[in-house]
Amino acid sequence: MNNIQIPQRGIYKEYAGAWDEISPKDAPYIGKCLYWLEQKEIDVDMFRKLVVDRLINRVNSANMPMQGDKAWDLWANEGQLADTVNFFFKIRSPHQTSPMGGGLKNEAPPKSSPQGEDLKNASSGSGEEQDGVASAAPRNDAETYEVIPNFVKNLVPEVKIGWFKYYGPDDFLGEMSFVEFKDLLYCADKWMKTKEVCWLDRMMAISYRRKQWFLGLKRMIPSRKFEKRVKYNPTLVDFRIKKFEKLDIGAKYMFFQYVMGCMYMMKTDAEGAGIELDGHICNLSIVFDPKHKTKKEDGEPENEDVNEPDDGIGLSGVIMALAESGVFGNIDRTAEANVWDVITRLYQLELQRREFDRK
């Protein structure tokens, strides 16, 4: 968490310092700012300014110093506050690319505030706030800012449309079937290619559903496990999608970032830490990245076929292959299986394949 302290004014404020520390009440607004940034309606500095104002609950004043030491202090403080929300980005040089591929890069021209004294008259409580974004000299032209959603917490756990509440999946794809996961990735890919909001609407219609009737009583049955949401039915998505067209774009775009965050953490091996499944640390990037190469003891890659096409994991084919093996039952039962059960099975099969190739 970030902290801002101004003892002279009695101001002590703690606010988010990472994606998963964002509160659900702030998530839709920040999601809207991310959407504006994606559409290049605002630049990086404007995004950081708006987000900081929201997180510290600041109301800007039109009365601000334009010259002299007070102006320099103001812009220096604004720059330091803006830097506290850089966790949304990874700053890259032009030759670097995102591990998530296309669709996440934002090349809005970044700017910075003049450097000045330490944070002593922070505008969050001094009455010297600015109305708008600071104007300053641009940063190094070689820098680009990429939105990297390195989080797995669903920041939009529920949405309200009319008189009804609709509930999304739990953190890190919790309570999600494999066919729901497959359909979400399809829509996410379509959004990144077309930028048509209808695909965000469809993602919401897929994953946000009503709570099961009598859920409290059902969960008292020890022999069965009941999920919070009603069962996913792909045939009903087209009928439900109209409801989510009215939903704020911020909630829809933040849910998209959640899905991308889950994929990022799996594809990049959680920044080298691995993901724990049943007490074992698993490198799921070997499942989701066909070009991921194991290494021999001397550090050389075992797989030398660098021309192997990047087809993803072929989720529809996975369902048919697993259904044919009978691990989860027929195609319908395989599609309805928990996504983590299927991913664990895929991980096991990939380890077995690599062991067979090694021998």
Protein backbone atom coordinates (compact mmCIF):
# COMPACT_ATOMS: atom_id res chain seq x y z
CA MET A 1 0.00 0.00 0.00
CA ASN A 2 1.03 3.60 -0.60
CA ASN A 3 0.96 6.15 2.20
CA ILE A 4 0.68 9.92 2.11
CA GLN A 5 1.36 11.80 5.34
CA ILE A 6 1.10 15.53 5.98
CA PRO A 7 1.35 15.93 9.78
CA GLN A 8 0.89 19.71 9.60
CA ARG A 9 -2.57 19.21 8.13
CA GLY A 10 -3.41 16.04 10.04
CA ILE A 11 -3.62 14.07 6.78
CA TYR A 12 -2.69 10.38 6.82
CA LYS A 13 -3.94 8.49 3.79
CA GLU A 14 -3.30 4.90 2.71
CA TYR A 15 -4.17 3.92 -0.86
CA ALA A 16 -3.57 1.16 -3.38
CA GLY A 17 0.01 0.39 -4.40
CA ALA A 18 -0.74 -2.65 -6.57
CA TRP A 19 -3.51 -3.97 -8.81
CA ASP A 20 -4.95 -6.36 -6.23
CA GLU A 21 -5.13 -3.60 -3.60
CA ILE A 22 -7.69 -1.62 -5.62
CA SER A 23 -11.06 -1.65 -3.87
CA PRO A 24 -14.20 -2.79 -5.76
CA LYS A 25 -15.72 0.69 -5.40
CA ASP A 26 -12.74 2.27 -7.23
CA ALA A 27 -12.27 -0.49 -9.82
CA PRO A 28 -14.97 0.63 -12.33
CA TYR A 29 -13.67 4.21 -12.40
CA ILE A 30 -10.07 3.08 -12.86
CA GLY A 31 -11.25 0.62 -15.52
CA LYS A 32 -12.85 3.53 -17.36
CA CYS A 33 -9.58 5.46 -17.21
CA LEU A 34 -7.76 2.41 -18.57
CA TYR A 35 -10.28 2.23 -21.40
CA TRP A 36 -9.74 5.92 -22.22
CA LEU A 37 -6.00 5.27 -22.24
CA GLU A 38 -6.50 2.28 -24.54
CA GLN A 39 -8.54 4.46 -26.91
CA LYS A 40 -5.92 7.24 -26.69
CA GLU A 41 -8.50 9.69 -25.35
CA ILE A 42 -6.08 10.56 -22.54
CA ASP A 43 -2.32 10.22 -22.20
CA VAL A 44 -0.33 8.46 -19.50
CA ASP A 45 0.03 11.54 -17.29
CA MET A 46 -3.67 12.31 -17.40
CA PHE A 47 -4.39 8.70 -16.47
CA ARG A 48 -2.06 8.83 -13.50
CA LYS A 49 -3.51 12.15 -12.39
CA LEU A 50 -7.10 10.90 -12.52
CA VAL A 51 -6.27 7.65 -10.75
CA VAL A 52 -4.34 9.34 -7.94
CA ASP A 53 -7.19 11.81 -7.40
CA ARG A 54 -9.61 8.92 -7.09
CA LEU A 55 -7.47 6.80 -4.79
CA ILE A 56 -6.72 9.62 -2.33
CA ASN A 57 -10.22 11.07 -2.67
CA ARG A 58 -8.93 14.47 -3.73
CA VAL A 59 -11.06 17.32 -5.09
CA ASN A 60 -8.94 19.65 -7.21
CA SER A 61 -8.96 23.38 -6.71
CA ALA A 62 -8.98 25.91 -9.54
CA ASN A 63 -6.73 28.15 -7.45
CA MET A 64 -3.14 27.07 -7.97
CA PRO A 65 0.20 28.89 -8.19
CA MET A 66 1.51 29.41 -11.71
CA GLN A 67 5.04 30.63 -10.97
CA GLY A 68 7.63 30.83 -8.24
CA ASP A 69 8.67 28.32 -5.61
CA LYS A 70 5.11 27.33 -4.79
CA ALA A 71 4.48 26.33 -8.39
CA TRP A 72 7.66 24.23 -8.47
CA ASP A 73 6.67 22.55 -5.21
CA LEU A 74 3.21 21.83 -6.59
CA TRP A 75 4.47 20.18 -9.77
CA ALA A 76 7.15 18.25 -7.88
CA ASN A 77 4.52 16.91 -5.49
CA GLU A 78 2.22 16.04 -8.40
CA GLY A 79 5.05 14.13 -10.07
CA GLN A 80 5.80 12.14 -6.93
CA LEU A 81 2.14 11.29 -6.41
CA ALA A 82 1.77 10.22 -10.04
CA ASP A 83 4.78 7.92 -9.76
CA THR A 84 3.06 5.99 -6.96
CA VAL A 85 0.60 4.49 -9.49
CA ASN A 86 3.22 3.33 -11.96
CA PHE A 87 2.39 -0.23 -10.92
CA PHE A 88 -0.14 -0.22 -13.79
CA PHE A 89 2.69 -0.05 -16.30
CA LYS A 90 5.92 -1.58 -17.39
CA ILE A 91 8.20 1.06 -18.89
CA ARG A 92 9.91 -0.32 -21.97
CA SER A 93 12.21 0.81 -24.72
CA PRO A 94 10.83 0.48 -28.30
CA HIS A 95 12.62 -2.81 -29.06
CA GLN A 96 11.00 -4.58 -26.09
CA THR A 97 7.65 -6.35 -26.44
CA SER A 98 4.99 -7.45 -24.01
CA PRO A 99 4.79 -11.12 -22.99
CA MET A 100 1.01 -10.88 -23.47
CA GLY A 101 1.34 -10.03 -27.14
CA GLY A 102 -0.76 -7.36 -28.88
CA GLY A 103 -3.60 -5.44 -27.37
CA LEU A 104 -1.98 -4.29 -24.14
CA LYS A 105 0.43 -1.67 -25.38
CA ASN A 106 -0.27 2.01 -24.82
CA GLU A 107 2.08 4.42 -26.51
CA ALA A 108 0.46 7.66 -25.36
CA PRO A 109 3.20 10.30 -25.12
CA PRO A 110 4.26 10.31 -21.47
CA LYS A 111 5.20 13.45 -19.61
CA SER A 112 6.66 14.19 -16.21
CA SER A 113 6.49 16.95 -13.68
CA PRO A 114 9.57 19.06 -12.88
CA GLN A 115 11.76 17.70 -10.16
CA GLY A 116 11.68 19.67 -6.93
CA GLU A 117 11.76 19.34 -3.19
CA ASP A 118 10.54 16.33 -1.24
CA LEU A 119 6.86 15.78 -0.59
CA LYS A 120 6.20 18.40 2.05
CA ASN A 121 3.27 20.48 0.77
CA ALA A 122 1.41 17.68 -1.01
CA SER A 123 -1.46 19.06 -3.03
CA SER A 124 -3.75 16.35 -1.70
CA GLY A 125 -4.40 18.48 1.34
CA SER A 126 -2.91 21.89 0.80
CA GLY A 127 -5.64 23.52 -1.28
CA GLU A 128 -3.08 24.08 -4.05
CA GLU A 129 -4.43 21.30 -6.26
CA GLN A 130 -4.45 21.70 -9.98
CA ASP A 131 -7.48 21.32 -12.21
CA GLY A 132 -6.18 19.05 -14.95
CA VAL A 133 -2.86 17.45 -15.70
CA ALA A 134 0.52 19.01 -15.17
CA SER A 135 2.20 20.41 -18.25
CA ALA A 136 5.87 19.60 -18.38
CA ALA A 137 8.67 18.62 -20.68
CA PRO A 138 8.27 15.14 -22.24
CA ARG A 139 10.27 12.20 -21.03
CA ASN A 140 12.75 10.29 -23.07
CA ASP A 141 11.12 9.55 -26.43
CA ALA A 142 12.49 6.00 -26.22
CA GLU A 143 10.14 5.09 -23.38
CA THR A 144 6.76 3.46 -23.89
CA TYR A 145 4.25 2.55 -21.22
CA GLU A 146 2.59 -0.86 -21.36
CA VAL A 147 -0.35 -1.83 -19.20
CA ILE A 148 0.69 -5.09 -17.52
CA PRO A 149 -2.18 -6.68 -15.52
CA ASN A 150 -0.08 -8.78 -13.14
CA PHE A 151 -2.93 -9.66 -10.79
CA VAL A 152 -5.49 -12.45 -10.37
CA LYS A 153 -8.05 -10.83 -8.07
CA ASN A 154 -11.46 -10.15 -9.59
CA LEU A 155 -11.82 -6.45 -8.84
CA VAL A 156 -15.43 -6.45 -10.05
CA PRO A 157 -16.94 -9.33 -8.02
CA GLU A 158 -20.51 -8.24 -8.72
CA VAL A 159 -22.49 -5.77 -10.81
CA LYS A 160 -25.98 -4.41 -10.41
CA ILE A 161 -28.26 -3.95 -13.42
CA GLY A 162 -31.70 -2.67 -12.60
CA TRP A 163 -32.98 -4.46 -9.51
CA PHE A 164 -30.77 -7.51 -9.90
CA LYS A 165 -27.20 -8.39 -8.96
CA TYR A 166 -24.98 -10.53 -11.14
CA TYR A 167 -21.91 -12.27 -9.75
CA GLY A 168 -18.62 -12.93 -11.49
CA PRO A 169 -15.99 -15.65 -10.98
CA ASP A 170 -13.81 -15.82 -7.89
CA ASP A 171 -10.16 -14.83 -7.82
CA PHE A 172 -7.83 -16.58 -10.27
CA LEU A 173 -10.57 -18.28 -12.32
CA GLY A 174 -12.28 -19.67 -9.25
CA GLU A 175 -15.64 -21.42 -9.78
CA MET A 176 -15.21 -21.33 -13.56
CA SER A 177 -15.87 -24.17 -15.99
CA PHE A 178 -13.47 -24.95 -18.79
CA VAL A 179 -15.97 -24.04 -21.53
CA GLU A 180 -16.58 -20.68 -19.83
CA PHE A 181 -12.82 -20.09 -19.78
CA LYS A 182 -12.59 -21.04 -23.45
CA ASP A 183 -15.39 -18.66 -24.45
CA LEU A 184 -13.88 -15.82 -22.41
CA LEU A 185 -10.52 -16.15 -24.14
CA TYR A 186 -12.21 -16.16 -27.53
CA CYS A 187 -14.01 -12.89 -26.74
CA ALA A 188 -10.87 -11.33 -25.25
CA ASP A 189 -8.96 -12.15 -28.42
CA LYS A 190 -11.72 -10.65 -30.56
CA TRP A 191 -11.70 -7.46 -28.47
CA MET A 192 -7.94 -7.05 -28.85
CA LYS A 193 -8.23 -7.44 -32.62
CA THR A 194 -11.36 -5.37 -33.30
CA LYS A 195 -11.73 -3.04 -30.26
CA GLU A 196 -15.51 -3.51 -30.56
CA VAL A 197 -17.26 -3.08 -27.21
CA CYS A 198 -19.72 -5.85 -28.05
CA TRP A 199 -17.00 -8.38 -27.18
CA LEU A 200 -16.63 -6.87 -23.70
CA ASP A 201 -20.42 -7.09 -23.35
CA ARG A 202 -20.24 -10.73 -24.32
CA MET A 203 -17.53 -11.44 -21.76
CA MET A 204 -19.77 -10.03 -19.05
CA ALA A 205 -22.77 -12.00 -20.31
CA ILE A 206 -20.69 -15.18 -20.17
CA SER A 207 -19.31 -14.84 -16.66
CA TYR A 208 -21.76 -12.70 -14.67
CA ARG A 209 -24.80 -14.68 -13.60
CA ARG A 210 -27.42 -14.73 -10.88
CA LYS A 211 -26.75 -16.43 -7.57
CA GLN A 212 -28.19 -19.92 -7.13
CA TRP A 213 -31.50 -20.23 -5.32
CA PHE A 214 -31.30 -21.43 -1.71
CA LEU A 215 -27.49 -21.45 -1.89
CA GLY A 216 -27.09 -21.35 1.89
CA LEU A 217 -29.24 -24.45 2.35
CA LYS A 218 -27.57 -26.29 -0.53
CA ARG A 219 -24.11 -25.73 0.92
CA MET A 220 -25.20 -27.44 4.11
CA ILE A 221 -25.20 -30.74 2.19
CA PRO A 222 -21.74 -32.20 2.99
CA SER A 223 -21.58 -34.65 0.08
CA ARG A 224 -21.85 -32.03 -2.69
CA LYS A 225 -20.16 -28.78 -3.59
CA PHE A 226 -22.37 -25.99 -4.92
CA GLU A 227 -20.97 -22.98 -6.76
CA LYS A 228 -22.26 -19.50 -6.06
CA ARG A 229 -23.49 -18.73 -9.58
CA VAL A 230 -26.01 -20.63 -11.63
CA LYS A 231 -24.55 -23.05 -14.14
CA TYR A 232 -23.07 -21.56 -17.31
CA ASN A 233 -25.21 -22.18 -20.38
CA PRO A 234 -23.62 -20.97 -23.66
CA THR A 235 -26.98 -20.96 -25.45
CA LEU A 236 -28.31 -18.22 -23.15
CA VAL A 237 -25.49 -15.72 -23.73
CA ASP A 238 -27.13 -14.08 -26.74
CA PHE A 239 -30.32 -13.53 -24.73
CA ARG A 240 -28.47 -12.02 -21.76
CA ILE A 241 -26.04 -9.78 -23.60
CA LYS A 242 -28.53 -6.90 -23.97
CA LYS A 243 -28.56 -6.43 -20.20
CA PHE A 244 -24.83 -5.79 -20.06
CA GLU A 245 -24.81 -3.23 -22.87
CA LYS A 246 -26.12 -0.73 -20.30
CA LEU A 247 -23.30 -1.46 -17.86
CA ASP A 248 -20.55 1.10 -17.28
CA ILE A 249 -17.59 0.56 -19.61
CA GLY A 250 -15.22 0.75 -16.65
CA ALA A 251 -16.59 -2.41 -15.04
CA LYS A 252 -16.47 -4.28 -18.35
CA TYR A 253 -12.92 -3.21 -19.16
CA MET A 254 -11.66 -3.98 -15.66
CA PHE A 255 -13.07 -7.50 -15.95
CA PHE A 256 -11.21 -7.86 -19.25
CA GLN A 257 -8.03 -6.84 -17.45
CA TYR A 258 -8.75 -9.48 -14.80
CA VAL A 259 -8.95 -12.21 -17.45
CA MET A 260 -5.75 -10.94 -19.05
CA GLY A 261 -4.11 -10.81 -15.63
CA CYS A 262 -4.89 -14.48 -15.01
CA MET A 263 -3.45 -15.41 -18.40
CA TYR A 264 -0.39 -13.23 -17.82
CA MET A 265 0.36 -14.90 -14.49
CA MET A 266 0.03 -18.36 -16.02
CA LYS A 267 1.93 -17.64 -19.24
CA THR A 268 4.82 -15.88 -17.51
CA ASP A 269 5.11 -18.38 -14.66
CA ALA A 270 4.03 -15.76 -12.13
CA GLU A 271 7.21 -13.77 -12.60
CA GLY A 272 9.37 -16.82 -11.96
CA ALA A 273 7.68 -17.89 -8.73
CA GLY A 274 5.45 -20.61 -10.19
CA ILE A 275 1.86 -21.41 -9.22
CA GLU A 276 1.05 -23.76 -6.39
CA LEU A 277 -1.37 -26.60 -7.15
CA ASP A 278 -2.07 -29.07 -4.35
CA GLY A 279 1.14 -28.11 -2.58
CA HIS A 280 3.36 -28.37 -5.67
CA ILE A 281 4.91 -25.44 -7.53
CA CYS A 282 3.91 -25.73 -11.20
CA ASN A 283 5.30 -23.86 -14.18
CA LEU A 284 2.11 -23.48 -16.20
CA SER A 285 3.87 -21.52 -18.92
CA ILE A 286 4.87 -24.85 -20.47
CA VAL A 287 1.16 -25.48 -21.11
CA PHE A 288 0.17 -22.06 -22.41
CA ASP A 289 3.32 -21.23 -24.35
CA PRO A 290 4.22 -23.87 -26.97
CA LYS A 291 7.55 -22.14 -27.60
CA HIS A 292 8.58 -22.45 -23.96
CA LYS A 293 11.71 -24.61 -23.96
CA THR A 294 13.03 -26.83 -21.24
CA LYS A 295 16.75 -26.68 -20.60
CA LYS A 296 19.35 -29.35 -20.21
CA GLU A 297 21.70 -29.41 -17.29
CA ASP A 298 24.23 -27.35 -19.26
CA GLY A 299 21.62 -24.64 -19.84
CA GLU A 300 21.04 -25.40 -23.55
CA PRO A 301 17.41 -25.73 -24.71
CA GLU A 302 16.20 -29.27 -25.38
CA ASN A 303 13.79 -28.24 -28.14
CA GLU A 304 15.51 -26.65 -31.09
CA ASP A 305 12.51 -26.30 -33.41
CA VAL A 306 12.22 -22.53 -33.30
CA ASN A 307 9.88 -22.57 -36.32
CA GLU A 308 7.13 -24.31 -34.40
CA PRO A 309 3.89 -22.35 -34.99
CA ASP A 310 2.37 -20.52 -32.04
CA ASP A 311 -1.16 -21.95 -32.14
CA GLY A 312 -1.95 -21.52 -28.46
CA ILE A 313 -3.25 -24.55 -26.59
CA GLY A 314 -6.25 -25.07 -28.90
CA LEU A 315 -8.95 -25.13 -26.23
CA SER A 316 -11.69 -26.63 -28.40
CA GLY A 317 -9.33 -29.40 -29.44
CA VAL A 318 -8.36 -29.94 -25.81
CA ILE A 319 -11.99 -30.56 -24.88
CA MET A 320 -12.36 -33.17 -27.62
CA ALA A 321 -9.04 -34.84 -26.83
CA LEU A 322 -9.78 -35.12 -23.13
CA ALA A 323 -13.31 -36.32 -23.83
CA GLU A 324 -11.87 -39.04 -26.06
CA SER A 325 -9.54 -40.14 -23.27
CA GLY A 326 -12.49 -40.30 -20.88
CA VAL A 327 -10.70 -38.53 -18.02
CA PHE A 328 -13.63 -36.21 -17.31
CA GLY A 329 -16.33 -38.09 -19.22
CA ASN A 330 -17.93 -37.16 -22.53
CA ILE A 331 -17.60 -33.82 -24.31
CA ASP A 332 -20.34 -32.15 -22.26
CA ARG A 333 -18.85 -33.29 -18.96
CA THR A 334 -15.38 -32.24 -20.03
CA ALA A 335 -16.64 -28.78 -21.01
CA GLU A 336 -18.34 -28.43 -17.62
CA ALA A 337 -15.27 -29.56 -15.67
CA ASN A 338 -13.54 -27.03 -13.45
CA VAL A 339 -10.94 -25.08 -15.39
CA TRP A 340 -8.21 -25.84 -12.85
CA ASP A 341 -8.89 -29.58 -13.06
CA VAL A 342 -8.38 -29.42 -16.82
CA ILE A 343 -5.30 -27.21 -16.60
CA THR A 344 -3.77 -29.54 -14.02
CA ARG A 345 -4.39 -32.49 -16.33
CA LEU A 346 -2.82 -30.64 -19.26
CA TYR A 347 0.19 -29.81 -17.12
CA GLN A 348 0.53 -33.47 -16.14
CA LEU A 349 0.32 -34.60 -19.77
CA GLU A 350 2.94 -32.07 -20.83
CA LEU A 351 5.34 -33.25 -18.12
CA GLN A 352 4.81 -36.84 -19.22
CA ARG A 353 5.47 -35.91 -22.85
CA ARG A 354 8.68 -34.11 -21.95
CA GLU A 355 9.86 -37.03 -19.83
CA PHE A 356 9.14 -39.41 -22.71
CA ASP A 357 11.08 -37.18 -25.14
CA ARG A 358 13.97 -36.95 -22.68
CA LYS A 359 14.20 -40.73 -22.44
